[in-house]
Structures are given as C-alpha cells and as structure tokens.
Amino acid sequence: MWPVLQEAFPEEVVQATIHPDLLIPEIVIDAEITFADIKRSFYDILCQMEPFGPENMSPTFMVRNVYNTGWSKVVKDAHLRFVLKQDNCTMTGIGFNMADKWCLLTEDKPIDLVFKIDENEWNGEKSLQLKVIDCRLSE
C-alpha cells in the first residue's frame, strides 16, 4: 500500500500545495493561569491525575505578561534558565534547547510562556519550576 500512496501523493505535489501554516507545530494549551496560581496544593492536585502518558498527557499551561528579573541565563550553550516575575510572584524554569529565545528576555518587554509544572529537587530541597515549551513577546 505504501508505494500506491507515494504515487498518489508525490512529495513535490505536497510541497507545492501545502499551506505554510500547516508546517508550524501546534501546541495544545489546557489552561491559562497566573504565577499566583502555581502553589504546592495546585501541583499536588495535578499529581493525582498521574500516571501521564499517551492517553493522559500532563497538562500544558500558558501565562501572559511575565518579565525577566535579570537573573535568567543561557546554560550549557543550549538551554535557558528562566527567572521570571508576574506581579509579586517569581518563578524559575528551564527551557531545554531554547537558547535561541534568549533575545526575547533581553528586550525588557513582557513575554508569554507555554509550560508544564515540574518539581525540582536539589540539595534535598524541593521547589516547583516551569518546564518551558515555548515563549514569545506578549501581544
């Protein structure tokens, strides 16, 4: 069946007819929240939804209008360590392979984030952090 499909949809035809918007990966966001919503009790409720997997993905959140505190940085040449503030709440996060987004943090403008909430344990201390999936300048 595969060769028949290849004949029916040659790569050249697809490339010539596909709309450019269809080539942009889609991120499904479950809810828009604020940094003030991210508390241990909220995370504990999320953990009750485990185990996460293909039929039960961990929730993806969005937050708008957050600012770099000045403590964010590129780590290991490829990743972004975020330290961001919204109103009076500060959150840390990590964006793997997102060093190319560093310029957004240096503009001193608000940004929007898409992330999952994660628990970080370091030196015996546990804290909530953001596992950043994407970011952009706020509209």
Protein backbone atom coordinates (compact mmCIF):
# COMPACT_ATOMS: atom_id res chain seq x y z
CA MET A 1 0.00 0.00 0.00
CA TRP A 2 2.87 2.43 0.74
CA PRO A 3 4.06 2.63 -2.92
CA VAL A 4 0.48 3.33 -4.03
CA LEU A 5 0.26 6.17 -1.50
CA GLN A 6 3.61 7.55 -2.69
CA GLU A 7 2.34 7.56 -6.27
CA ALA A 8 -0.89 9.30 -5.26
CA PHE A 9 0.88 11.95 -3.16
CA PRO A 10 4.34 12.64 -4.58
CA GLU A 11 6.49 14.81 -2.33
CA GLU A 12 6.72 17.52 -4.96
CA VAL A 13 2.94 17.89 -5.13
CA VAL A 14 2.66 18.11 -1.33
CA GLN A 15 5.43 20.71 -1.10
CA ALA A 16 3.84 22.80 -3.84
CA THR A 17 0.32 22.72 -2.38
CA ILE A 18 0.66 22.64 1.41
CA HIS A 19 -0.18 25.87 3.22
CA PRO A 20 2.81 27.23 5.22
CA ASP A 21 0.69 27.39 8.41
CA LEU A 22 0.36 23.60 8.32
CA LEU A 23 4.13 23.30 8.75
CA ILE A 24 4.11 25.09 12.13
CA PRO A 25 3.89 22.64 15.05
CA GLU A 26 0.80 23.10 17.19
CA ILE A 27 0.93 23.30 20.97
CA VAL A 28 -2.29 22.38 22.75
CA ILE A 29 -2.73 24.55 25.85
CA ASP A 30 -5.01 23.19 28.56
CA ALA A 31 -5.42 26.38 30.59
CA GLU A 32 -4.19 29.93 31.02
CA ILE A 33 -3.09 30.61 34.59
CA THR A 34 -1.06 33.15 36.55
CA PHE A 35 2.08 32.66 38.62
CA ALA A 36 -0.07 33.23 41.73
CA ASP A 37 -1.99 30.04 40.85
CA ILE A 38 1.16 27.89 40.96
CA LYS A 39 1.25 26.60 44.51
CA ARG A 40 2.16 23.29 46.12
CA SER A 41 -1.54 22.46 46.63
CA PHE A 42 -2.22 23.02 42.91
CA TYR A 43 0.74 20.81 41.97
CA ASP A 44 -0.46 18.09 44.36
CA ILE A 45 -3.85 18.06 42.60
CA LEU A 46 -2.08 17.73 39.22
CA CYS A 47 -0.11 14.77 40.58
CA GLN A 48 -3.38 12.99 41.41
CA MET A 49 -4.01 12.80 37.65
CA GLU A 50 -0.94 10.59 37.13
CA PRO A 51 0.24 8.41 35.53
CA PHE A 52 0.75 10.58 32.49
CA GLY A 53 1.22 9.02 29.09
CA PRO A 54 -0.15 8.99 25.53
CA GLU A 55 -3.81 8.75 26.60
CA ASN A 56 -3.36 11.05 29.60
CA MET A 57 -0.85 13.79 28.84
CA SER A 58 0.35 16.09 31.62
CA PRO A 59 -1.40 19.46 31.42
CA THR A 60 0.16 22.31 29.47
CA PHE A 61 -0.33 25.85 30.74
CA MET A 62 0.12 29.36 29.46
CA VAL A 63 0.90 32.55 31.34
CA ARG A 64 0.88 36.03 29.82
CA ASN A 65 2.81 39.20 30.55
CA VAL A 66 5.73 37.98 32.61
CA TYR A 67 9.03 39.82 32.88
CA ASN A 68 12.62 38.72 33.09
CA THR A 69 14.07 39.52 36.51
CA GLY A 70 17.58 39.92 35.13
CA TRP A 71 18.66 36.57 36.58
CA SER A 72 17.75 34.46 33.54
CA LYS A 73 20.69 33.00 31.62
CA VAL A 74 21.83 30.57 28.96
CA VAL A 75 23.21 27.36 30.44
CA LYS A 76 25.37 24.76 28.72
CA ASP A 77 25.18 26.77 25.46
CA ALA A 78 21.74 25.38 24.55
CA HIS A 79 19.28 25.81 27.40
CA LEU A 80 17.59 28.78 29.05
CA ARG A 81 17.33 29.09 32.81
CA PHE A 82 14.35 31.39 33.36
CA VAL A 83 13.80 33.59 36.41
CA LEU A 84 10.59 35.47 35.71
CA LYS A 85 8.18 37.71 37.57
CA GLN A 86 4.47 38.40 37.26
CA ASP A 87 3.07 40.92 39.73
CA ASN A 88 4.63 39.90 43.07
CA CYS A 89 5.29 36.25 42.14
CA THR A 90 8.64 34.99 40.87
CA MET A 91 9.09 31.59 39.21
CA THR A 92 12.09 29.75 37.89
CA GLY A 93 12.08 27.45 34.93
CA ILE A 94 14.15 25.62 32.37
CA GLY A 95 13.74 25.65 28.61
CA PHE A 96 15.74 22.87 27.00
CA ASN A 97 17.28 23.74 23.64
CA MET A 98 15.78 27.23 23.81
CA ALA A 99 18.94 29.36 23.82
CA ASP A 100 17.76 30.89 20.55
CA LYS A 101 14.96 32.61 22.53
CA TRP A 102 17.46 34.48 24.74
CA CYS A 103 16.94 37.69 22.76
CA LEU A 104 13.30 37.83 23.95
CA LEU A 105 14.48 38.03 27.55
CA THR A 106 16.90 40.86 26.89
CA GLU A 107 14.30 43.22 25.38
CA ASP A 108 12.78 44.23 28.74
CA LYS A 109 9.31 43.60 27.34
CA PRO A 110 6.61 41.25 28.65
CA ILE A 111 6.57 37.72 27.32
CA ASP A 112 4.06 34.86 27.21
CA LEU A 113 5.12 31.35 28.21
CA VAL A 114 3.84 27.86 27.49
CA PHE A 115 4.99 25.31 30.07
CA LYS A 116 4.38 22.30 32.25
CA ILE A 117 4.74 22.46 36.02
CA ASP A 118 7.51 20.32 37.41
CA GLU A 119 9.15 19.65 40.74
CA ASN A 120 12.85 20.32 41.07
CA GLU A 121 14.86 18.68 43.82
CA TRP A 122 18.34 19.99 44.53
CA ASN A 123 20.41 19.56 47.67
CA GLY A 124 17.45 17.99 49.44
CA GLU A 125 15.21 21.00 48.75
CA LYS A 126 12.09 20.61 46.62
CA SER A 127 10.60 23.51 44.68
CA LEU A 128 8.18 23.97 41.82
CA GLN A 129 9.59 25.06 38.49
CA LEU A 130 8.38 25.61 34.97
CA LYS A 131 9.38 23.27 32.17
CA VAL A 132 9.12 25.82 29.39
CA ILE A 133 7.97 24.60 26.00
CA ASP A 134 7.87 27.92 24.15
CA CYS A 135 7.81 31.69 24.66
CA ARG A 136 7.05 34.81 22.66
CA LEU A 137 6.72 38.55 23.14
CA SER A 138 3.33 39.43 24.59
CA GLU A 139 0.88 40.99 22.17
